[in-house]
Amino acid sequence: MADQTILDTIPDFEQRQAKYAPVAAALADLYGVPQWRKDTPPMDELVNCILSQNTNDTNRDRGFDALKHRYPTWQDVVDAPVDEFIDTIRVAGLSNQKGPRIQEVLRIIQAEQGDFDIDFLNEVSIDEAKAWLMSLPGVGPKTAAIVLCFAFGRPAFPVDTHVHRVSGRIGFLPEKVTADKAHPIMEALVPPGDYYAFHINLIQHGRSICHARNPRCERCPLTDYCDYYQGLI
């Protein structure tokens, strides 16, 4: 159940929430119902998320693969000369920022936890886990939510570019709400047990049909519920 203080900040909450069930059902018919499974160790997920900022998935993956190939352990990353590490992950973009940031995050975790291990996030409250992650350099609401949702299967709803765009067009989000501010709204609108599947399906829909430019509304099963489409007709 969402905190009442959050609900009070969402105009027309009941109308927005009423869209969820039919939209989720339509997306499930189109893309299936993704099932969460733990594929990536939490530390890998965290570092991968930092690498992913302001770049595409291909360059993120290339940067992470280069990191893991050159540095077999997180201690190796910490001990690496910063210029060498920056060069190693350069393909991921903004390496002059991301390199020192990743090394600092690793140092903080090692100092606080005695090792490169964030499994304790599965034992504390979800609010505590989010707050701790967002206390790390360069970690905002999206990265925190991705780590908690993907690495631990915890009830956090990540809002990336696709989710923000599609949710805004459908009408889940009030106008002019930023992606960072959208996280608690989506968590209030979507049942916690559905966070992972709905997040994945919104991303898939954004990539396949609801493009940033020239969305393919003629192929979309959500037009009956979509504020953007209803404004076009």
Foldseek 3Di string as FASTA:
>chain_A
DADVVLVVVAPPQVLLLVLPPVVLVQLCVVPNFDDADADDALLLLLLLVLLQPPADPVLSVQLSVLVCVVAVDLVSLLPDDLVVNLVSSPSSPPSVVSSVLSSQQQVVCCVVVVHSHDVCLLVDDLVVQLVVQVVRPPDALQSSQCSCCRNPVFQWAHFDPQNVQQSVQLPLHDPPQDRRNCGSSVSVSDPSNRRVRVNVSSNVCCVPAVDPPPGNVVPDPSLVRTNNNVVVD
